[in-house]
Amino acid sequence: MRQQLKTVKTFAGSSIMGDGKVALILDVLGLAQRAGVVTETRNRALTEKATEAAATVGDKQTFLLFAGPGDCRMAIPLSTLARLEEFPVEQVEMSGSQWVTQYRGQILPLIRLNIVLQEQEKDRRNRLRTMKATPLPDSGQIQVLVLNHQGRSFGLVVERILDIVEDRADVKSAATRPSVLYSVVIGDRVTELLDIPAILRSSDLNAARPALAMKAPEAAN
């Protein structure tokens, strides 16, 4: 009997009871497998985990990280970025008080983030004086984020491009200065998320010099 039961997964074997009768010993795991309970439970657990993982990935956003004035950590959603560029300072020209550069057959206005983020009233005279200053000839390259907003493109001059990361950015706190939407935790570090429309307003690019804003490129190669 014991040899015959080895091929039957629902029985673990047999035993002799106290009254001398033979009793079969059920294999609980074998019964569960035969009934499909173990497989069904495992598949359900895997499906739930996959659903949770998909939901987590779906909540994530991709951000471009860069260093702002004073080496602060800042970011914008990657979806707002058209291109990353690096221009020699010799390519920067002045149009009134606006930095511009010739870019893809058009004139690209350049907004300097360090100027926009200055205290707008307290340092207004110094801010205006600095805006009119041309870049120093020996200051090397400038790193520029070419952004699209409402069908127009402009360049945002930043200190240093850091990385592109994907994160949920769930932890938020209120902004502590103009032109910043709020602070978020990205990559385990506090990061300021820029308010692009506010930057355009602060730079007077839309209101004062609308003709400078070039049309957004249809596609980035």
N, C-alpha and C. Protein backbone atom coordinates (compact mmCIF):
# COMPACT_ATOMS: atom_id res chain seq x y z
N MET A 1 0.83 -1.22 0.00
CA MET A 1 0.00 0.00 0.00
C MET A 1 0.86 1.26 0.00
N ARG A 2 1.92 1.28 0.83
CA ARG A 2 2.77 2.47 0.91
C ARG A 2 3.39 2.80 -0.43
N GLN A 3 3.85 1.78 -1.18
CA GLN A 3 4.45 2.00 -2.49
C GLN A 3 3.43 2.56 -3.48
N GLN A 4 2.20 2.07 -3.40
CA GLN A 4 1.15 2.53 -4.32
C GLN A 4 0.77 3.98 -4.04
N LEU A 5 0.83 4.39 -2.79
CA LEU A 5 0.42 5.75 -2.43
C LEU A 5 1.44 6.81 -2.82
N LYS A 6 2.68 6.36 -3.12
CA LYS A 6 3.71 7.33 -3.47
C LYS A 6 3.37 8.12 -4.72
N THR A 7 2.61 7.55 -5.63
CA THR A 7 2.25 8.22 -6.88
C THR A 7 1.00 9.08 -6.77
N VAL A 8 0.31 9.00 -5.64
CA VAL A 8 -0.92 9.77 -5.42
C VAL A 8 -0.59 10.97 -4.54
N LYS A 9 -0.66 12.22 -5.13
CA LYS A 9 -0.21 13.41 -4.41
C LYS A 9 -1.15 13.84 -3.28
N THR A 10 -2.37 13.32 -3.29
CA THR A 10 -3.30 13.74 -2.25
C THR A 10 -3.11 12.97 -0.95
N PHE A 11 -2.28 11.94 -0.97
CA PHE A 11 -2.01 11.16 0.24
C PHE A 11 -0.53 11.21 0.56
N ALA A 12 -0.23 11.44 1.86
CA ALA A 12 1.16 11.45 2.30
C ALA A 12 1.64 10.05 2.67
N GLY A 13 0.69 9.12 2.87
CA GLY A 13 1.06 7.76 3.22
C GLY A 13 -0.06 7.10 4.01
N SER A 14 0.27 6.11 4.80
CA SER A 14 -0.74 5.41 5.61
C SER A 14 -0.17 5.15 7.00
N SER A 15 -1.09 4.84 7.92
CA SER A 15 -0.68 4.56 9.29
C SER A 15 -1.63 3.53 9.91
N ILE A 16 -1.17 2.81 10.90
CA ILE A 16 -1.99 1.81 11.62
C ILE A 16 -2.50 2.47 12.89
N MET A 17 -3.83 2.57 13.02
CA MET A 17 -4.44 3.19 14.18
C MET A 17 -4.33 2.28 15.40
N GLY A 18 -4.79 2.75 16.51
CA GLY A 18 -4.70 1.99 17.75
C GLY A 18 -5.55 0.74 17.75
N ASP A 19 -6.63 0.74 16.96
CA ASP A 19 -7.49 -0.45 16.90
C ASP A 19 -7.02 -1.44 15.84
N GLY A 20 -5.85 -1.15 15.21
CA GLY A 20 -5.31 -2.06 14.23
C GLY A 20 -5.75 -1.82 12.81
N LYS A 21 -6.61 -0.83 12.63
CA LYS A 21 -7.07 -0.54 11.27
C LYS A 21 -6.08 0.39 10.55
N VAL A 22 -6.04 0.24 9.21
CA VAL A 22 -5.17 1.09 8.39
C VAL A 22 -5.89 2.39 8.04
N ALA A 23 -5.22 3.50 8.23
CA ALA A 23 -5.80 4.81 7.90
C ALA A 23 -4.87 5.54 6.94
N LEU A 24 -5.47 6.22 5.97
CA LEU A 24 -4.69 7.01 5.01
C LEU A 24 -4.44 8.41 5.57
N ILE A 25 -3.25 8.91 5.32
CA ILE A 25 -2.87 10.25 5.79
C ILE A 25 -2.95 11.22 4.60
N LEU A 26 -3.82 12.22 4.73
CA LEU A 26 -3.99 13.20 3.66
C LEU A 26 -2.80 14.17 3.59
N ASP A 27 -2.45 14.54 2.36
CA ASP A 27 -1.41 15.55 2.11
C ASP A 27 -2.12 16.87 1.81
N VAL A 28 -2.15 17.78 2.78
CA VAL A 28 -2.91 19.03 2.65
C VAL A 28 -2.39 19.87 1.48
N LEU A 29 -1.07 20.00 1.36
CA LEU A 29 -0.50 20.78 0.27
C LEU A 29 -0.83 20.14 -1.09
N GLY A 30 -0.79 18.81 -1.12
CA GLY A 30 -1.13 18.12 -2.36
C GLY A 30 -2.57 18.34 -2.75
N LEU A 31 -3.46 18.31 -1.76
CA LEU A 31 -4.88 18.59 -2.03
C LEU A 31 -5.07 20.00 -2.58
N ALA A 32 -4.36 20.96 -1.97
CA ALA A 32 -4.48 22.35 -2.39
C ALA A 32 -3.99 22.54 -3.82
N GLN A 33 -2.87 21.88 -4.14
CA GLN A 33 -2.35 21.98 -5.49
C GLN A 33 -3.29 21.33 -6.51
N ARG A 34 -3.86 20.17 -6.11
CA ARG A 34 -4.76 19.46 -7.02
C ARG A 34 -6.03 20.28 -7.26
N ALA A 35 -6.49 20.96 -6.23
CA ALA A 35 -7.69 21.79 -6.36
C ALA A 35 -7.40 23.13 -7.03
N GLY A 36 -6.12 23.43 -7.23
CA GLY A 36 -5.75 24.69 -7.87
C GLY A 36 -5.76 25.88 -6.93
N VAL A 37 -5.91 25.63 -5.63
CA VAL A 37 -6.00 26.73 -4.68
C VAL A 37 -4.66 27.44 -4.55
N VAL A 38 -3.56 26.70 -4.46
CA VAL A 38 -2.24 27.29 -4.29
C VAL A 38 -1.87 28.13 -5.50
N THR A 39 -2.08 27.59 -6.69
CA THR A 39 -1.75 28.31 -7.92
C THR A 39 -2.59 29.57 -8.05
N GLU A 40 -3.88 29.46 -7.74
CA GLU A 40 -4.77 30.61 -7.86
C GLU A 40 -4.36 31.72 -6.90
N THR A 41 -4.04 31.33 -5.66
CA THR A 41 -3.63 32.33 -4.67
C THR A 41 -2.34 33.01 -5.09
N ARG A 42 -1.39 32.22 -5.58
CA ARG A 42 -0.10 32.77 -6.00
C ARG A 42 -0.28 33.71 -7.18
N ASN A 43 -1.11 33.30 -8.15
CA ASN A 43 -1.35 34.16 -9.31
C ASN A 43 -2.03 35.46 -8.92
N ARG A 44 -2.96 35.33 -7.95
CA ARG A 44 -3.65 36.54 -7.49
C ARG A 44 -2.67 37.50 -6.82
N ALA A 45 -1.77 36.94 -6.01
CA ALA A 45 -0.77 37.77 -5.33
C ALA A 45 0.16 38.46 -6.33
N LEU A 46 0.57 37.72 -7.36
CA LEU A 46 1.44 38.29 -8.38
C LEU A 46 0.73 39.40 -9.15
N THR A 47 -0.55 39.17 -9.44
CA THR A 47 -1.34 40.18 -10.16
C THR A 47 -1.47 41.45 -9.34
N GLU A 48 -1.73 41.27 -8.02
CA GLU A 48 -1.87 42.43 -7.14
C GLU A 48 -0.56 43.21 -7.06
N LYS A 49 0.56 42.48 -6.97
CA LYS A 49 1.85 43.15 -6.91
C LYS A 49 2.14 43.91 -8.20
N ALA A 50 1.81 43.29 -9.34
CA ALA A 50 2.03 43.94 -10.63
C ALA A 50 1.18 45.19 -10.76
N THR A 51 -0.07 45.13 -10.26
CA THR A 51 -0.96 46.29 -10.31
C THR A 51 -0.41 47.42 -9.46
N GLU A 52 0.07 47.06 -8.25
CA GLU A 52 0.64 48.07 -7.37
C GLU A 52 1.87 48.71 -8.00
N ALA A 53 2.72 47.88 -8.61
CA ALA A 53 3.93 48.40 -9.25
C ALA A 53 3.58 49.34 -10.40
N ALA A 54 2.57 48.96 -11.19
CA ALA A 54 2.16 49.80 -12.32
C ALA A 54 1.61 51.13 -11.83
N ALA A 55 0.85 51.08 -10.73
CA ALA A 55 0.30 52.32 -10.18
C ALA A 55 1.41 53.22 -9.68
N THR A 56 2.45 52.61 -9.06
CA THR A 56 3.57 53.39 -8.55
C THR A 56 4.33 54.05 -9.69
N VAL A 57 4.60 53.29 -10.74
CA VAL A 57 5.30 53.84 -11.90
C VAL A 57 4.47 54.93 -12.56
N GLY A 58 3.15 54.73 -12.60
CA GLY A 58 2.28 55.70 -13.24
C GLY A 58 2.27 57.04 -12.53
N ASP A 59 2.50 57.05 -11.22
CA ASP A 59 2.50 58.28 -10.45
C ASP A 59 3.81 59.03 -10.59
N LYS A 60 4.84 58.42 -11.11
CA LYS A 60 6.14 59.05 -11.21
C LYS A 60 6.17 60.06 -12.36
N GLN A 61 7.03 61.07 -12.20
CA GLN A 61 7.27 62.04 -13.25
C GLN A 61 8.77 62.07 -13.54
N THR A 62 9.10 62.55 -14.72
CA THR A 62 10.51 62.70 -15.07
C THR A 62 10.87 64.17 -14.98
N PHE A 63 11.96 64.45 -14.25
CA PHE A 63 12.39 65.82 -14.01
C PHE A 63 13.81 66.04 -14.52
N LEU A 64 14.07 67.26 -14.97
CA LEU A 64 15.42 67.69 -15.26
C LEU A 64 15.92 68.47 -14.06
N LEU A 65 17.03 68.03 -13.47
CA LEU A 65 17.61 68.70 -12.32
C LEU A 65 18.76 69.59 -12.76
N PHE A 66 18.86 70.75 -12.13
CA PHE A 66 19.97 71.66 -12.44
C PHE A 66 20.27 72.51 -11.22
N ALA A 67 21.47 73.07 -11.22
CA ALA A 67 21.89 73.95 -10.13
C ALA A 67 21.45 75.37 -10.44
N GLY A 68 20.81 75.99 -9.45
CA GLY A 68 20.40 77.38 -9.60
C GLY A 68 21.38 78.30 -8.90
N PRO A 69 21.03 79.56 -8.74
CA PRO A 69 21.91 80.52 -8.07
C PRO A 69 22.24 80.06 -6.65
N GLY A 70 23.50 80.23 -6.26
CA GLY A 70 23.92 79.80 -4.93
C GLY A 70 24.01 78.29 -4.80
N ASP A 71 24.06 77.60 -5.94
CA ASP A 71 24.16 76.13 -5.98
C ASP A 71 22.93 75.45 -5.38
N CYS A 72 21.77 76.14 -5.40
CA CYS A 72 20.54 75.50 -4.94
C CYS A 72 20.11 74.46 -5.97
N ARG A 73 19.34 73.49 -5.52
CA ARG A 73 18.90 72.40 -6.40
C ARG A 73 17.51 72.71 -6.93
N MET A 74 17.36 72.74 -8.26
CA MET A 74 16.11 73.12 -8.87
C MET A 74 15.73 72.10 -9.94
N ALA A 75 14.45 72.15 -10.38
CA ALA A 75 13.97 71.17 -11.36
C ALA A 75 12.82 71.75 -12.17
N ILE A 76 12.64 71.16 -13.35
CA ILE A 76 11.44 71.40 -14.16
C ILE A 76 10.98 70.05 -14.69
N PRO A 77 9.69 69.88 -14.98
CA PRO A 77 9.24 68.63 -15.63
C PRO A 77 9.92 68.49 -16.99
N LEU A 78 10.38 67.32 -17.30
CA LEU A 78 11.08 67.10 -18.57
C LEU A 78 10.16 67.39 -19.76
N SER A 79 8.85 67.27 -19.56
CA SER A 79 7.90 67.50 -20.65
C SER A 79 7.92 68.94 -21.15
N THR A 80 8.41 69.87 -20.33
CA THR A 80 8.46 71.28 -20.75
C THR A 80 9.74 71.61 -21.51
N LEU A 81 10.68 70.67 -21.55
CA LEU A 81 11.99 70.91 -22.16
C LEU A 81 11.97 70.54 -23.64
N ALA A 82 12.47 71.44 -24.49
CA ALA A 82 12.61 71.15 -25.92
C ALA A 82 14.00 70.60 -26.21
N ARG A 83 15.03 71.30 -25.71
CA ARG A 83 16.40 70.87 -25.95
C ARG A 83 17.31 71.37 -24.83
N LEU A 84 18.44 70.71 -24.67
CA LEU A 84 19.53 71.20 -23.84
C LEU A 84 20.60 71.75 -24.77
N GLU A 85 21.05 72.98 -24.50
CA GLU A 85 22.05 73.60 -25.36
C GLU A 85 23.16 74.20 -24.52
N GLU A 86 24.30 74.37 -25.15
CA GLU A 86 25.44 75.06 -24.55
C GLU A 86 25.97 76.04 -25.59
N PHE A 87 25.93 77.34 -25.27
CA PHE A 87 26.34 78.36 -26.22
C PHE A 87 27.62 79.04 -25.74
N PRO A 88 28.54 79.35 -26.64
CA PRO A 88 29.68 80.19 -26.26
C PRO A 88 29.18 81.60 -26.01
N VAL A 89 29.81 82.30 -25.07
CA VAL A 89 29.34 83.66 -24.74
C VAL A 89 29.45 84.59 -25.94
N GLU A 90 30.38 84.29 -26.87
CA GLU A 90 30.51 85.13 -28.06
C GLU A 90 29.27 85.09 -28.92
N GLN A 91 28.43 84.07 -28.72
CA GLN A 91 27.21 83.94 -29.52
C GLN A 91 26.04 84.72 -28.92
N VAL A 92 26.22 85.23 -27.70
CA VAL A 92 25.16 85.99 -27.03
C VAL A 92 25.22 87.45 -27.46
N GLU A 93 24.07 88.00 -27.85
CA GLU A 93 23.97 89.40 -28.26
C GLU A 93 22.95 90.11 -27.38
N MET A 94 22.90 91.43 -27.52
CA MET A 94 21.95 92.22 -26.75
C MET A 94 20.87 92.77 -27.67
N SER A 95 19.62 92.71 -27.21
CA SER A 95 18.52 93.37 -27.89
C SER A 95 17.82 94.21 -26.83
N GLY A 96 18.20 95.50 -26.75
CA GLY A 96 17.76 96.32 -25.63
C GLY A 96 18.46 95.83 -24.38
N SER A 97 17.67 95.45 -23.39
CA SER A 97 18.24 94.89 -22.16
C SER A 97 18.12 93.37 -22.13
N GLN A 98 17.74 92.77 -23.25
CA GLN A 98 17.50 91.33 -23.31
C GLN A 98 18.66 90.60 -23.95
N TRP A 99 19.15 89.56 -23.29
CA TRP A 99 20.11 88.66 -23.92
C TRP A 99 19.38 87.85 -24.98
N VAL A 100 19.99 87.69 -26.15
CA VAL A 100 19.42 86.87 -27.21
C VAL A 100 20.56 86.12 -27.89
N THR A 101 20.19 85.11 -28.65
CA THR A 101 21.16 84.41 -29.49
C THR A 101 20.47 83.95 -30.76
N GLN A 102 21.23 83.86 -31.83
CA GLN A 102 20.69 83.35 -33.08
C GLN A 102 20.66 81.82 -33.00
N TYR A 103 19.47 81.27 -33.19
CA TYR A 103 19.28 79.84 -32.93
C TYR A 103 18.32 79.25 -33.95
N ARG A 104 18.82 78.34 -34.76
CA ARG A 104 18.01 77.65 -35.76
C ARG A 104 17.26 78.63 -36.68
N GLY A 105 17.98 79.64 -37.11
CA GLY A 105 17.42 80.59 -38.05
C GLY A 105 16.49 81.62 -37.44
N GLN A 106 16.40 81.67 -36.11
CA GLN A 106 15.53 82.65 -35.44
C GLN A 106 16.28 83.29 -34.28
N ILE A 107 15.61 84.22 -33.63
CA ILE A 107 16.21 84.88 -32.46
C ILE A 107 15.62 84.27 -31.20
N LEU A 108 16.47 83.69 -30.39
CA LEU A 108 16.03 83.04 -29.15
C LEU A 108 16.32 83.95 -27.97
N PRO A 109 15.30 84.45 -27.26
CA PRO A 109 15.55 85.25 -26.06
C PRO A 109 16.08 84.37 -24.94
N LEU A 110 17.02 84.90 -24.17
CA LEU A 110 17.64 84.16 -23.07
C LEU A 110 17.27 84.82 -21.75
N ILE A 111 16.68 84.06 -20.87
CA ILE A 111 16.31 84.54 -19.54
C ILE A 111 17.31 84.00 -18.53
N ARG A 112 17.93 84.89 -17.78
CA ARG A 112 18.91 84.47 -16.79
C ARG A 112 18.23 84.21 -15.46
N LEU A 113 18.30 82.97 -15.02
CA LEU A 113 17.58 82.57 -13.81
C LEU A 113 18.07 83.34 -12.59
N ASN A 114 19.37 83.62 -12.52
CA ASN A 114 19.89 84.33 -11.35
C ASN A 114 19.32 85.74 -11.25
N ILE A 115 18.97 86.34 -12.38
CA ILE A 115 18.36 87.68 -12.36
C ILE A 115 16.90 87.59 -11.95
N VAL A 116 16.19 86.63 -12.50
CA VAL A 116 14.76 86.48 -12.21
C VAL A 116 14.52 86.20 -10.73
N LEU A 117 15.41 85.44 -10.11
CA LEU A 117 15.19 85.03 -8.72
C LEU A 117 15.67 86.06 -7.70
N GLN A 118 16.21 87.18 -8.14
CA GLN A 118 16.58 88.22 -7.21
C GLN A 118 15.33 88.83 -6.59
N GLU A 119 15.50 89.43 -5.41
CA GLU A 119 14.38 90.15 -4.79
C GLU A 119 13.92 91.24 -5.74
N GLN A 120 12.67 91.20 -6.16
CA GLN A 120 12.22 92.01 -7.28
C GLN A 120 12.07 93.50 -6.95
N GLU A 121 11.80 93.85 -5.74
CA GLU A 121 11.63 95.27 -5.42
C GLU A 121 12.87 95.82 -4.73
N LYS A 122 13.37 95.10 -3.75
CA LYS A 122 14.48 95.59 -2.93
C LYS A 122 15.73 95.84 -3.77
N ASP A 123 15.99 94.96 -4.74
CA ASP A 123 17.18 95.10 -5.56
C ASP A 123 16.84 95.49 -7.00
N ARG A 124 15.77 96.25 -7.17
CA ARG A 124 15.31 96.51 -8.54
C ARG A 124 16.34 97.27 -9.37
N ARG A 125 16.96 98.29 -8.78
CA ARG A 125 17.94 99.06 -9.55
C ARG A 125 19.13 98.20 -9.94
N ASN A 126 19.63 97.45 -8.97
CA ASN A 126 20.76 96.57 -9.26
C ASN A 126 20.37 95.50 -10.28
N ARG A 127 19.12 95.03 -10.16
CA ARG A 127 18.61 94.00 -11.08
C ARG A 127 18.58 94.52 -12.51
N LEU A 128 18.07 95.75 -12.68
CA LEU A 128 17.99 96.34 -14.01
C LEU A 128 19.39 96.59 -14.58
N ARG A 129 20.31 97.04 -13.71
CA ARG A 129 21.68 97.30 -14.15
C ARG A 129 22.35 95.99 -14.59
N THR A 130 22.10 94.93 -13.85
CA THR A 130 22.70 93.64 -14.17
C THR A 130 22.10 93.07 -15.45
N MET A 131 20.80 93.29 -15.67
CA MET A 131 20.15 92.78 -16.87
C MET A 131 20.77 93.36 -18.12
N LYS A 132 21.22 94.62 -18.04
CA LYS A 132 21.75 95.28 -19.23
C LYS A 132 23.21 94.91 -19.48
N ALA A 133 23.83 94.23 -18.56
CA ALA A 133 25.24 93.89 -18.71
C ALA A 133 25.40 92.75 -19.71
N THR A 134 26.38 92.91 -20.60
CA THR A 134 26.68 91.85 -21.56
C THR A 134 27.57 90.80 -20.89
N PRO A 135 27.55 89.56 -21.36
CA PRO A 135 28.40 88.52 -20.77
C PRO A 135 29.87 88.83 -21.01
N LEU A 136 30.72 88.46 -20.07
CA LEU A 136 32.15 88.68 -20.21
C LEU A 136 32.70 87.80 -21.32
N PRO A 137 33.58 88.32 -22.14
CA PRO A 137 34.09 87.56 -23.30
C PRO A 137 34.79 86.25 -22.91
N ASP A 138 35.42 86.23 -21.73
CA ASP A 138 36.19 85.05 -21.33
C ASP A 138 35.43 84.16 -20.35
N SER A 139 34.11 84.30 -20.29
CA SER A 139 33.34 83.53 -19.31
C SER A 139 32.93 82.15 -19.81
N GLY A 140 33.45 81.74 -20.97
CA GLY A 140 33.26 80.37 -21.43
C GLY A 140 31.89 80.11 -22.01
N GLN A 141 31.35 78.93 -21.67
CA GLN A 141 30.05 78.50 -22.21
C GLN A 141 28.94 78.82 -21.21
N ILE A 142 27.74 79.01 -21.74
CA ILE A 142 26.57 79.12 -20.88
C ILE A 142 25.65 77.93 -21.17
N GLN A 143 25.08 77.36 -20.13
CA GLN A 143 24.18 76.22 -20.28
C GLN A 143 22.74 76.73 -20.31
N VAL A 144 22.01 76.27 -21.32
CA VAL A 144 20.68 76.83 -21.59
C VAL A 144 19.66 75.71 -21.72
N LEU A 145 18.52 75.89 -21.05
CA LEU A 145 17.37 75.00 -21.23
C LEU A 145 16.44 75.69 -22.22
N VAL A 146 16.26 75.10 -23.39
CA VAL A 146 15.32 75.66 -24.36
C VAL A 146 13.95 75.10 -24.03
N LEU A 147 13.03 75.99 -23.65
CA LEU A 147 11.71 75.59 -23.18
C LEU A 147 10.63 76.06 -24.14
N ASN A 148 9.53 75.32 -24.15
CA ASN A 148 8.34 75.70 -24.92
C ASN A 148 7.24 76.11 -23.95
N HIS A 149 6.58 77.20 -24.28
CA HIS A 149 5.44 77.63 -23.46
C HIS A 149 4.46 78.37 -24.36
N GLN A 150 3.26 77.80 -24.45
CA GLN A 150 2.19 78.40 -25.25
C GLN A 150 2.65 78.69 -26.69
N GLY A 151 3.31 77.72 -27.30
CA GLY A 151 3.70 77.83 -28.68
C GLY A 151 4.94 78.68 -28.94
N ARG A 152 5.61 79.15 -27.89
CA ARG A 152 6.81 79.95 -28.04
C ARG A 152 7.98 79.26 -27.34
N SER A 153 9.18 79.61 -27.79
CA SER A 153 10.38 79.05 -27.17
C SER A 153 11.25 80.16 -26.61
N PHE A 154 11.93 79.87 -25.53
CA PHE A 154 12.90 80.79 -24.95
C PHE A 154 13.97 79.96 -24.26
N GLY A 155 15.09 80.57 -24.01
CA GLY A 155 16.19 79.86 -23.34
C GLY A 155 16.31 80.31 -21.90
N LEU A 156 16.44 79.36 -21.00
CA LEU A 156 16.64 79.65 -19.59
C LEU A 156 18.10 79.34 -19.24
N VAL A 157 18.85 80.38 -18.89
CA VAL A 157 20.27 80.22 -18.57
C VAL A 157 20.40 79.77 -17.12
N VAL A 158 21.01 78.60 -16.92
CA VAL A 158 21.15 78.04 -15.57
C VAL A 158 22.63 77.88 -15.24
N GLU A 159 22.89 77.64 -13.96
CA GLU A 159 24.28 77.50 -13.52
C GLU A 159 24.93 76.22 -14.04
N ARG A 160 24.22 75.10 -13.88
CA ARG A 160 24.80 73.81 -14.23
C ARG A 160 23.72 72.76 -14.33
N ILE A 161 23.69 71.99 -15.41
CA ILE A 161 22.74 70.90 -15.55
C ILE A 161 23.25 69.70 -14.77
N LEU A 162 22.38 69.07 -13.95
CA LEU A 162 22.81 67.99 -13.07
C LEU A 162 22.43 66.61 -13.57
N ASP A 163 21.13 66.38 -13.80
CA ASP A 163 20.71 65.01 -14.09
C ASP A 163 19.26 65.01 -14.58
N ILE A 164 18.84 63.86 -15.09
CA ILE A 164 17.43 63.60 -15.40
C ILE A 164 17.00 62.41 -14.55
N VAL A 165 15.96 62.59 -13.74
CA VAL A 165 15.54 61.54 -12.81
C VAL A 165 14.03 61.33 -12.91
N GLU A 166 13.59 60.14 -12.49
CA GLU A 166 12.17 59.82 -12.42
C GLU A 166 11.82 59.59 -10.96
N ASP A 167 10.81 60.31 -10.47
CA ASP A 167 10.44 60.20 -9.07
C ASP A 167 8.97 60.60 -8.90
N ARG A 168 8.43 60.26 -7.73
CA ARG A 168 7.01 60.57 -7.46
C ARG A 168 6.81 62.02 -7.04
N ALA A 169 7.78 62.59 -6.29
CA ALA A 169 7.70 63.98 -5.83
C ALA A 169 6.42 64.24 -5.05
N ASP A 170 6.11 63.33 -4.11
CA ASP A 170 4.88 63.47 -3.32
C ASP A 170 5.01 64.47 -2.18
N VAL A 171 6.20 64.54 -1.58
CA VAL A 171 6.40 65.42 -0.43
C VAL A 171 6.63 66.84 -0.92
N LYS A 172 5.73 67.75 -0.50
CA LYS A 172 5.80 69.13 -0.99
C LYS A 172 5.72 70.12 0.17
N SER A 173 6.27 71.30 -0.07
CA SER A 173 6.10 72.40 0.88
C SER A 173 5.98 73.69 0.09
N ALA A 174 5.44 74.72 0.72
CA ALA A 174 5.19 75.98 0.02
C ALA A 174 6.49 76.63 -0.44
N ALA A 175 6.39 77.38 -1.53
CA ALA A 175 7.56 78.09 -2.06
C ALA A 175 7.99 79.18 -1.09
N THR A 176 9.28 79.45 -1.07
CA THR A 176 9.81 80.48 -0.18
C THR A 176 10.25 81.73 -0.95
N ARG A 177 10.07 81.72 -2.28
CA ARG A 177 10.42 82.89 -3.08
C ARG A 177 9.63 82.87 -4.38
N PRO A 178 9.53 84.04 -5.05
CA PRO A 178 8.79 84.11 -6.31
C PRO A 178 9.42 83.24 -7.40
N SER A 179 8.61 82.91 -8.39
CA SER A 179 9.01 82.12 -9.56
C SER A 179 9.29 80.66 -9.23
N VAL A 180 8.88 80.23 -8.03
CA VAL A 180 9.01 78.82 -7.62
C VAL A 180 7.61 78.33 -7.25
N LEU A 181 7.21 77.20 -7.82
CA LEU A 181 5.89 76.64 -7.50
C LEU A 181 5.84 76.15 -6.07
N TYR A 182 6.77 75.27 -5.73
CA TYR A 182 6.89 74.72 -4.37
C TYR A 182 8.18 73.91 -4.30
N SER A 183 8.52 73.51 -3.10
CA SER A 183 9.67 72.62 -2.90
C SER A 183 9.17 71.19 -2.81
N VAL A 184 9.92 70.27 -3.41
CA VAL A 184 9.56 68.86 -3.40
C VAL A 184 10.80 68.04 -3.06
N VAL A 185 10.57 66.79 -2.68
CA VAL A 185 11.68 65.87 -2.46
C VAL A 185 11.83 65.01 -3.71
N ILE A 186 12.95 65.19 -4.40
CA ILE A 186 13.26 64.41 -5.60
C ILE A 186 14.62 63.76 -5.39
N GLY A 187 14.66 62.45 -5.52
CA GLY A 187 15.93 61.75 -5.30
C GLY A 187 16.45 61.93 -3.90
N ASP A 188 15.53 61.96 -2.92
CA ASP A 188 15.87 62.09 -1.50
C ASP A 188 16.48 63.44 -1.14
N ARG A 189 16.30 64.45 -2.00
CA ARG A 189 16.82 65.77 -1.69
C ARG A 189 15.75 66.83 -1.97
N VAL A 190 15.73 67.87 -1.14
CA VAL A 190 14.77 68.95 -1.33
C VAL A 190 15.16 69.74 -2.58
N THR A 191 14.15 69.94 -3.45
CA THR A 191 14.38 70.55 -4.76
C THR A 191 13.28 71.56 -5.03
N GLU A 192 13.64 72.73 -5.55
CA GLU A 192 12.65 73.75 -5.90
C GLU A 192 12.17 73.52 -7.33
N LEU A 193 10.85 73.47 -7.49
CA LEU A 193 10.25 73.28 -8.81
C LEU A 193 9.87 74.65 -9.38
N LEU A 194 10.41 74.97 -10.54
CA LEU A 194 10.21 76.30 -11.11
C LEU A 194 8.79 76.50 -11.63
N ASP A 195 8.33 77.75 -11.54
CA ASP A 195 7.05 78.18 -12.10
C ASP A 195 7.35 78.90 -13.41
N ILE A 196 7.24 78.19 -14.53
CA ILE A 196 7.63 78.74 -15.82
C ILE A 196 6.84 80.00 -16.19
N PRO A 197 5.49 80.01 -16.09
CA PRO A 197 4.75 81.25 -16.42
C PRO A 197 5.19 82.43 -15.56
N ALA A 198 5.47 82.18 -14.27
CA ALA A 198 5.91 83.26 -13.39
C ALA A 198 7.27 83.80 -13.82
N ILE A 199 8.15 82.92 -14.27
CA ILE A 199 9.46 83.36 -14.75
C ILE A 199 9.31 84.25 -15.97
N LEU A 200 8.40 83.88 -16.87
CA LEU A 200 8.16 84.71 -18.06
C LEU A 200 7.62 86.07 -17.66
N ARG A 201 6.72 86.09 -16.68
CA ARG A 201 6.17 87.37 -16.22
C ARG A 201 7.26 88.22 -15.58
N SER A 202 8.09 87.61 -14.76
CA SER A 202 9.15 88.34 -14.06
C SER A 202 10.17 88.92 -15.02
N SER A 203 10.42 88.19 -16.10
CA SER A 203 11.42 88.66 -17.07
C SER A 203 10.85 89.69 -18.03
N ASP A 204 9.53 89.94 -17.96
CA ASP A 204 8.84 90.86 -18.87
C ASP A 204 8.96 90.41 -20.32
N LEU A 205 9.23 89.13 -20.55
CA LEU A 205 9.44 88.66 -21.92
C LEU A 205 8.14 88.68 -22.71
N ASN A 206 7.05 88.23 -22.07
CA ASN A 206 5.77 88.21 -22.78
C ASN A 206 5.17 89.60 -22.93
N ALA A 207 5.24 90.39 -21.85
CA ALA A 207 4.55 91.67 -21.85
C ALA A 207 5.31 92.73 -22.62
N ALA A 208 6.64 92.82 -22.38
CA ALA A 208 7.40 93.93 -22.94
C ALA A 208 7.99 93.63 -24.31
N ARG A 209 8.38 92.39 -24.57
CA ARG A 209 9.07 92.09 -25.81
C ARG A 209 8.52 90.82 -26.44
N PRO A 210 7.22 90.79 -26.79
CA PRO A 210 6.64 89.57 -27.34
C PRO A 210 7.25 89.15 -28.66
N ALA A 211 7.76 90.09 -29.44
CA ALA A 211 8.29 89.76 -30.76
C ALA A 211 9.57 88.93 -30.67
N LEU A 212 10.25 88.99 -29.51
CA LEU A 212 11.50 88.26 -29.37
C LEU A 212 11.29 86.77 -29.22
N ALA A 213 10.15 86.37 -28.64
CA ALA A 213 9.93 84.95 -28.38
C ALA A 213 9.75 84.21 -29.68
N MET A 214 10.66 83.30 -29.97
CA MET A 214 10.59 82.59 -31.24
C MET A 214 9.58 81.48 -31.19
N LYS A 215 9.09 81.08 -32.37
CA LYS A 215 8.14 79.99 -32.45
C LYS A 215 8.82 78.69 -32.01
N ALA A 216 8.08 77.87 -31.32
CA ALA A 216 8.62 76.61 -30.84
C ALA A 216 8.92 75.69 -32.00
N PRO A 217 10.09 75.00 -31.97
CA PRO A 217 10.38 74.04 -33.04
C PRO A 217 9.40 72.90 -33.03
N GLU A 218 9.06 72.41 -34.20
CA GLU A 218 8.08 71.34 -34.30
C GLU A 218 8.60 70.06 -33.70
N ALA A 219 9.88 69.77 -33.84
CA ALA A 219 10.45 68.54 -33.28
C ALA A 219 11.92 68.77 -33.01
N ALA A 220 12.41 68.14 -31.94
CA ALA A 220 13.82 68.22 -31.59
C ALA A 220 14.54 67.02 -32.15
N ASN A 221 15.58 67.25 -32.92
CA ASN A 221 16.33 66.14 -33.51
C ASN A 221 17.32 65.59 -32.50
